[in-house]
């Protein structure tokens, strides 16, 4: 799933506002904090997209039927492994 910059920005604002209202963060510079949050979300989305593409290619080469039980199990396994390699798990 591709995420637009607008969607990431919207999500960053929602997260920031919820954290701020919940008194879970303190930020002297809200703009800077939002920029950091947007960058972090963009990195997460980019990593997920790269991993998804890599896994789908791998499963396609194995001639697995998309959505089959075997495909889903392997997708989950490969996803865990690949995210662990990248330090996201």
Foldseek 3Di string as FASTA:
>chain_A
DDDDLVNLLVVLVVVLVVCVVVVNDDDPDVVVSSVVSSVVVVVVRVLVVVQQVVLVVVVVVVVDDPPDPVSVVSSVVSSVVSCVVVVND
